[in-house]
Amino acid sequence: MVKSFYEKEVYLSDNFWIMFGKKKQTSTIDKDQLELIENAQKRIKQKKRLYVHFVVFLIGAVFLILANTVLGIGKDFTIAGINWFVYAILIWLFLFIYHFINVFITNKFMGKDWEKQQLNKLVNQQQQRINKLKEEFLKEEKKIAQSQAYNETQSLEKKSANKLTIIVAAGEDNAIGKDNDLIWHLSNDLKRFKKLTSGHHIIMGRKTFESFPKPLPNRTHIVITRQKDYKAPDGVIVVNNIEDAIDAARKDSQPFIIGGGEIYKQSINLADKLELTRVHASFDGADTFFPNVDINIWKEVSRTTHEADEDHNYAFSFITYLKK
């Protein structure tokens, strides 16, 4: 009987399978779980012994009755007028009842104390697992929170990244100047230029900078030149290429490219926004031009047109483009 039990599989609540057989298996369970198995085995043995006791009791009772009535053993021996085998059967029945009570009542599943002890162990084990799961959950939650914070930071950085803007006035033929000077004088255009660029970094080539009588007020000038040791007034930033100029203005939310023609060509594909004053006329003799505005790349978002008047010799439009 015991051998057949050891050849069975015992499935534990922890999802462990232990094989008991002739060949010794490597145990993958802890001491507490092993104790549960051993006590379960003892419990099974107790029940089997009680069952054997019951069977032997029945056979023994029948044998005692047959021995007295059929074989005549102790036929004349009575106690208080009752045959001796009746007392023998009652005594044996008492022992069986005592055995039954001992297995199923007094020591039910190894006793109440043992049951409570094992229950506490299981509760503690489950609590440990819950705590471990909580720790893993908190770690995972922390990773998610860090990831979300990183994404939000990236998003904010992206939103707050400077929006490089080109500002220019150009004729219908894209003419913007002659002999390093403007071809027209439009007071509203100059006012608009001052309003938009005030408080910002303005990026320009050396010739454009030198066309100013002095640095423009309330603006940070960044001058691009290939000349080494170029001397500029205090506060003017000198760089050697467009990339360094944009980097120098990285803290500005909207730095402006203001010219001249070569700087416009270098920055047209880098810019995010274009503030164009389109002068509705063509100008012969111009030597500096603005690149064509590719409508496949740029989307017009606003336009305001001004007709020619006593203060403006040419009609013009303020047009704002955003890169698609």
Protein backbone atom coordinates (compact mmCIF):
# COMPACT_ATOMS: atom_id res chain seq x y z
CA MET A 1 0.00 0.00 0.00
CA VAL A 2 2.76 2.44 0.95
CA LYS A 3 4.73 1.61 -2.15
CA SER A 4 1.80 2.41 -4.44
CA PHE A 5 1.39 5.79 -2.71
CA TYR A 6 5.01 6.70 -3.29
CA GLU A 7 4.60 5.94 -6.95
CA LYS A 8 1.89 8.58 -7.28
CA GLU A 9 2.32 12.26 -8.09
CA VAL A 10 1.61 14.79 -5.43
CA TYR A 11 0.55 18.21 -6.67
CA LEU A 12 1.21 21.11 -4.33
CA SER A 13 -0.54 24.46 -4.24
CA ASP A 14 2.77 26.13 -5.19
CA ASN A 15 2.55 24.43 -8.60
CA PHE A 16 5.36 21.96 -7.84
CA TRP A 17 5.17 18.33 -8.94
CA ILE A 18 7.14 15.79 -6.93
CA MET A 19 7.53 12.24 -8.20
CA PHE A 20 7.95 9.47 -5.61
CA GLY A 21 9.17 6.16 -6.95
CA LYS A 22 12.01 3.72 -6.92
CA LYS A 23 14.31 6.24 -8.54
CA LYS A 24 15.16 9.12 -6.20
CA GLN A 25 14.10 12.52 -7.56
CA THR A 26 15.72 15.87 -6.82
CA SER A 27 13.45 17.89 -4.53
CA THR A 28 12.49 21.39 -5.65
CA ILE A 29 10.43 22.27 -2.57
CA ASP A 30 11.29 23.99 0.68
CA LYS A 31 11.29 22.51 4.21
CA ASP A 32 7.80 23.74 5.06
CA GLN A 33 6.31 22.16 1.97
CA LEU A 34 8.18 18.92 2.67
CA GLU A 35 6.74 18.91 6.19
CA LEU A 36 3.25 19.23 4.73
CA ILE A 37 3.84 16.24 2.48
CA GLU A 38 5.26 14.08 5.27
CA ASN A 39 2.34 14.83 7.58
CA ALA A 40 -0.11 14.16 4.76
CA GLN A 41 1.56 10.76 4.32
CA LYS A 42 1.17 10.04 8.05
CA ARG A 43 -2.46 11.00 7.83
CA ILE A 44 -3.04 8.57 4.98
CA LYS A 45 -1.34 5.78 6.95
CA GLN A 46 -3.60 6.52 9.93
CA LYS A 47 -6.71 6.17 7.81
CA LYS A 48 -5.44 2.96 6.23
CA ARG A 49 -4.72 1.45 9.65
CA LEU A 50 -8.25 2.36 10.80
CA TYR A 51 -9.69 0.73 7.69
CA VAL A 52 -7.65 -2.44 8.32
CA HIS A 53 -8.77 -2.37 11.96
CA PHE A 54 -12.41 -2.20 10.86
CA VAL A 55 -12.04 -5.13 8.43
CA VAL A 56 -10.20 -7.25 10.99
CA PHE A 57 -12.85 -6.37 13.60
CA LEU A 58 -15.66 -7.58 11.34
CA ILE A 59 -13.84 -10.81 10.46
CA GLY A 60 -12.84 -11.36 14.12
CA ALA A 61 -16.40 -10.82 15.36
CA VAL A 62 -17.75 -13.35 12.87
CA PHE A 63 -14.98 -15.80 13.84
CA LEU A 64 -15.77 -15.46 17.57
CA ILE A 65 -19.47 -16.08 16.95
CA LEU A 66 -18.75 -19.12 14.76
CA ALA A 67 -16.17 -20.46 17.24
CA ASN A 68 -18.74 -20.39 20.04
CA THR A 69 -21.89 -21.43 18.24
CA VAL A 70 -20.59 -23.80 15.56
CA LEU A 71 -17.35 -25.16 16.99
CA GLY A 72 -18.62 -25.00 20.56
CA ILE A 73 -15.50 -23.32 21.93
CA GLY A 74 -16.33 -21.97 25.43
CA LYS A 75 -19.97 -22.86 24.84
CA ASP A 76 -20.67 -23.28 28.54
CA PHE A 77 -18.66 -20.20 29.62
CA THR A 78 -20.92 -17.25 30.32
CA ILE A 79 -20.72 -14.06 32.35
CA ALA A 80 -23.95 -12.93 33.97
CA GLY A 81 -25.76 -15.31 31.67
CA ILE A 82 -24.20 -13.80 28.51
CA ASN A 83 -21.77 -15.73 26.32
CA TRP A 84 -18.16 -14.67 26.61
CA PHE A 85 -17.75 -13.83 22.90
CA VAL A 86 -20.31 -11.01 23.26
CA TYR A 87 -18.03 -9.32 25.84
CA ALA A 88 -15.04 -9.91 23.57
CA ILE A 89 -16.81 -8.31 20.61
CA LEU A 90 -17.95 -5.31 22.75
CA ILE A 91 -14.42 -4.76 24.07
CA TRP A 92 -13.05 -4.93 20.54
CA LEU A 93 -15.78 -2.56 19.34
CA PHE A 94 -14.80 -0.15 22.10
CA LEU A 95 -11.17 -0.28 20.93
CA PHE A 96 -12.28 0.35 17.33
CA ILE A 97 -14.43 3.32 18.38
CA TYR A 98 -11.51 4.70 20.35
CA HIS A 99 -9.29 4.27 17.28
CA PHE A 100 -11.90 6.02 15.12
CA ILE A 101 -12.23 8.95 17.52
CA ASN A 102 -8.46 9.26 17.76
CA VAL A 103 -8.09 9.49 13.96
CA PHE A 104 -11.09 11.63 13.00
CA ILE A 105 -11.77 13.75 16.09
CA THR A 106 -8.94 13.95 18.62
CA ASN A 107 -6.11 14.20 16.05
CA LYS A 108 -8.01 15.37 13.01
CA PHE A 109 -5.39 16.10 10.41
CA MET A 110 -2.57 15.96 12.97
CA GLY A 111 -4.41 18.10 15.58
CA LYS A 112 -5.70 21.67 15.83
CA ASP A 113 -2.38 23.13 16.93
CA TRP A 114 -0.58 21.55 14.01
CA GLU A 115 -3.30 22.74 11.64
CA LYS A 116 -3.01 26.28 12.98
CA GLN A 117 0.77 26.15 12.72
CA GLN A 118 0.65 24.99 9.11
CA LEU A 119 -1.98 27.59 8.26
CA ASN A 120 0.21 30.32 9.71
CA LYS A 121 3.15 29.08 7.67
CA LEU A 122 1.10 29.12 4.49
CA VAL A 123 -0.23 32.59 5.29
CA ASN A 124 3.31 33.83 5.88
CA GLN A 125 4.48 32.28 2.63
CA GLN A 126 1.64 33.93 0.74
CA GLN A 127 2.36 37.25 2.43
CA GLN A 128 5.99 37.00 1.39
CA ARG A 129 4.92 36.33 -2.18
CA ILE A 130 2.51 39.28 -2.06
CA ASN A 131 5.26 41.53 -0.73
CA LYS A 132 7.57 40.35 -3.49
CA LEU A 133 4.89 41.04 -6.10
CA LYS A 134 4.36 44.49 -4.59
CA GLU A 135 8.08 45.21 -4.83
CA GLU A 136 8.16 44.07 -8.45
CA PHE A 137 5.04 46.11 -9.18
CA LEU A 138 6.56 49.21 -7.58
CA LYS A 139 9.74 48.73 -9.59
CA GLU A 140 7.73 48.37 -12.78
CA GLU A 141 5.58 51.37 -11.84
CA LYS A 142 8.72 53.39 -11.20
CA LYS A 143 10.08 52.44 -14.62
CA ILE A 144 6.79 53.44 -16.25
CA ALA A 145 6.76 56.74 -14.35
CA GLN A 146 10.36 57.42 -15.37
CA SER A 147 9.51 56.59 -18.98
CA GLN A 148 6.47 58.88 -18.89
CA ALA A 149 8.50 61.66 -17.29
CA TYR A 150 11.18 61.23 -19.94
CA ASN A 151 8.60 61.36 -22.74
CA GLU A 152 6.98 64.43 -21.22
CA THR A 153 10.36 66.10 -20.86
CA GLN A 154 11.19 65.29 -24.47
CA SER A 155 7.83 66.65 -25.53
CA LEU A 156 8.35 69.84 -23.53
CA GLU A 157 11.84 70.22 -24.91
CA LYS A 158 10.50 69.71 -28.39
CA LYS A 159 7.77 72.28 -27.79
CA SER A 160 10.21 74.73 -26.23
CA ALA A 161 12.88 74.18 -28.88
CA ASN A 162 13.69 77.36 -30.78
CA LYS A 163 11.64 77.98 -33.90
CA LEU A 164 14.12 79.27 -36.46
CA THR A 165 12.44 82.01 -38.48
CA ILE A 166 13.54 83.70 -41.68
CA ILE A 167 12.43 87.30 -42.10
CA VAL A 168 12.90 88.93 -45.49
CA ALA A 169 11.44 91.46 -47.92
CA ALA A 170 11.61 90.35 -51.56
CA GLY A 171 10.22 91.56 -54.86
CA GLU A 172 8.15 89.52 -57.24
CA ASP A 173 11.39 88.39 -58.89
CA ASN A 174 12.83 87.54 -55.39
CA ALA A 175 15.17 90.53 -55.52
CA ILE A 176 16.20 91.62 -52.04
CA GLY A 177 19.03 94.11 -52.53
CA LYS A 178 21.63 95.86 -54.61
CA ASP A 179 25.14 96.84 -53.57
CA ASN A 180 24.54 95.57 -50.04
CA ASP A 181 21.53 97.86 -49.54
CA LEU A 182 17.75 97.75 -49.85
CA ILE A 183 16.13 98.71 -53.16
CA TRP A 184 13.04 100.22 -51.50
CA HIS A 185 11.98 101.96 -48.33
CA LEU A 186 8.76 100.69 -46.80
CA SER A 187 8.18 102.18 -43.35
CA ASN A 188 5.51 99.60 -42.37
CA ASP A 189 7.90 96.81 -43.29
CA LEU A 190 10.64 98.30 -41.09
CA LYS A 191 8.18 98.67 -38.23
CA ARG A 192 7.11 95.05 -38.64
CA PHE A 193 10.76 93.92 -38.70
CA LYS A 194 11.43 95.82 -35.46
CA LYS A 195 8.31 94.45 -33.76
CA LEU A 196 8.99 90.80 -34.67
CA THR A 197 12.73 90.71 -33.96
CA SER A 198 12.84 92.85 -30.82
CA GLY A 199 14.15 90.87 -27.85
CA HIS A 200 15.44 88.01 -30.02
CA HIS A 201 18.69 86.80 -31.56
CA ILE A 202 19.19 87.92 -35.16
CA ILE A 203 21.53 85.89 -37.37
CA MET A 204 23.18 87.53 -40.37
CA GLY A 205 26.18 87.50 -42.66
CA ARG A 206 29.09 89.88 -42.21
CA LYS A 207 28.08 92.19 -45.09
CA THR A 208 24.54 92.55 -43.73
CA PHE A 209 25.93 93.42 -40.31
CA GLU A 210 28.30 95.98 -41.78
CA SER A 211 25.39 97.63 -43.62
CA PHE A 212 24.03 98.80 -40.24
CA PRO A 213 25.29 102.11 -38.90
CA LYS A 214 25.42 100.42 -35.51
CA PRO A 215 23.99 97.24 -33.88
CA LEU A 216 20.20 97.28 -33.64
CA PRO A 217 18.91 97.93 -30.14
CA ASN A 218 17.27 95.27 -27.95
CA ARG A 219 18.56 92.40 -30.09
CA THR A 220 21.45 89.95 -29.84
CA HIS A 221 23.49 89.97 -33.04
CA ILE A 222 25.10 86.79 -34.35
CA VAL A 223 27.43 87.41 -37.29
CA ILE A 224 28.59 84.65 -39.62
CA THR A 225 31.96 85.22 -41.28
CA ARG A 226 34.85 83.18 -42.60
CA GLN A 227 37.28 85.89 -41.58
CA LYS A 228 39.54 84.92 -38.72
CA ASP A 229 39.87 87.35 -35.80
CA TYR A 230 36.93 89.40 -37.05
CA LYS A 231 36.51 92.40 -34.77
CA ALA A 232 32.96 93.15 -33.68
CA PRO A 233 31.52 95.45 -31.01
CA ASP A 234 30.95 94.10 -27.53
CA GLY A 235 27.87 91.91 -27.26
CA VAL A 236 28.05 90.77 -30.89
CA ILE A 237 28.60 87.01 -31.28
CA VAL A 238 30.88 85.98 -34.14
CA VAL A 239 30.73 82.48 -35.59
CA ASN A 240 32.06 80.75 -38.71
CA ASN A 241 29.02 78.85 -40.00
CA ILE A 242 25.24 78.66 -39.88
CA GLU A 243 25.23 75.63 -37.55
CA ASP A 244 27.27 77.46 -34.91
CA ALA A 245 25.00 80.49 -35.28
CA ILE A 246 21.87 78.41 -34.60
CA ASP A 247 23.60 76.77 -31.64
CA ALA A 248 24.53 80.19 -30.23
CA ALA A 249 20.82 81.11 -30.32
CA ARG A 250 19.58 77.83 -28.82
CA LYS A 251 18.16 79.54 -25.70
CA ASP A 252 16.03 81.86 -27.78
CA SER A 253 12.50 80.60 -28.51
CA GLN A 254 12.51 82.28 -31.94
CA PRO A 255 15.82 83.40 -33.42
CA PHE A 256 15.62 85.20 -36.77
CA ILE A 257 17.67 84.87 -39.94
CA ILE A 258 17.81 88.37 -41.46
CA GLY A 259 20.17 88.00 -44.43
CA GLY A 260 21.92 88.31 -46.71
CA GLY A 261 21.36 86.21 -49.82
CA GLU A 262 23.92 83.46 -49.11
CA ILE A 263 22.78 83.04 -45.49
CA TYR A 264 19.18 82.74 -46.71
CA LYS A 265 20.21 79.96 -49.09
CA GLN A 266 22.00 78.08 -46.31
CA SER A 267 19.12 78.41 -43.83
CA ILE A 268 15.99 78.01 -46.01
CA ASN A 269 15.94 74.23 -45.41
CA LEU A 270 16.70 74.61 -41.70
CA ALA A 271 14.04 77.18 -40.88
CA ASP A 272 10.63 76.39 -39.37
CA LYS A 273 8.90 79.65 -40.23
CA LEU A 274 9.11 82.29 -42.91
CA GLU A 275 8.01 85.90 -42.47
CA LEU A 276 8.01 87.30 -46.01
CA THR A 277 7.23 90.82 -47.13
CA ARG A 278 6.37 90.39 -50.80
CA VAL A 279 6.93 93.64 -52.64
CA HIS A 280 4.64 93.64 -55.68
CA ALA A 281 7.15 94.87 -58.23
CA SER A 282 10.19 93.68 -60.14
CA PHE A 283 13.55 95.40 -59.86
CA ASP A 284 16.15 95.56 -62.60
CA GLY A 285 19.79 95.65 -61.56
CA ALA A 286 19.30 93.75 -58.28
CA ASP A 287 22.31 91.63 -57.37
CA THR A 288 21.00 89.73 -54.35
CA PHE A 289 18.04 87.35 -54.43
CA PHE A 290 15.98 85.26 -52.07
CA PRO A 291 15.45 81.53 -52.87
CA ASN A 292 12.10 80.50 -54.39
CA VAL A 293 9.46 79.58 -51.83
CA ASP A 294 8.53 75.96 -52.59
CA ILE A 295 4.80 75.56 -51.88
CA ASN A 296 5.36 71.81 -51.54
CA ILE A 297 7.47 72.55 -48.47
CA TRP A 298 5.92 75.77 -47.15
CA LYS A 299 2.28 76.38 -46.23
CA GLU A 300 0.89 79.90 -46.25
CA VAL A 301 -0.97 80.58 -42.98
CA SER A 302 -1.65 84.30 -43.17
CA ARG A 303 -1.51 87.23 -45.63
CA THR A 304 -2.10 90.95 -45.24
CA THR A 305 -1.88 93.21 -48.31
CA HIS A 306 -1.10 96.93 -48.31
CA GLU A 307 -1.62 99.07 -51.37
CA ALA A 308 0.85 101.71 -52.46
CA ASP A 309 0.31 105.13 -50.88
CA GLU A 310 2.12 108.38 -50.17
CA ASP A 311 4.38 106.62 -47.63
CA HIS A 312 4.92 103.48 -49.70
CA ASN A 313 5.97 103.54 -53.35
CA TYR A 314 5.03 99.89 -53.85
CA ALA A 315 2.15 97.66 -52.86
CA PHE A 316 3.24 94.82 -50.63
CA SER A 317 1.91 91.87 -48.62
CA PHE A 318 2.95 90.46 -45.26
CA ILE A 319 2.89 86.67 -45.71
CA THR A 320 3.60 84.06 -43.03
CA TYR A 321 4.62 80.55 -44.03
CA LEU A 322 5.09 77.47 -41.84
CA LYS A 323 7.04 74.44 -42.91
CA LYS A 324 4.74 71.48 -43.64
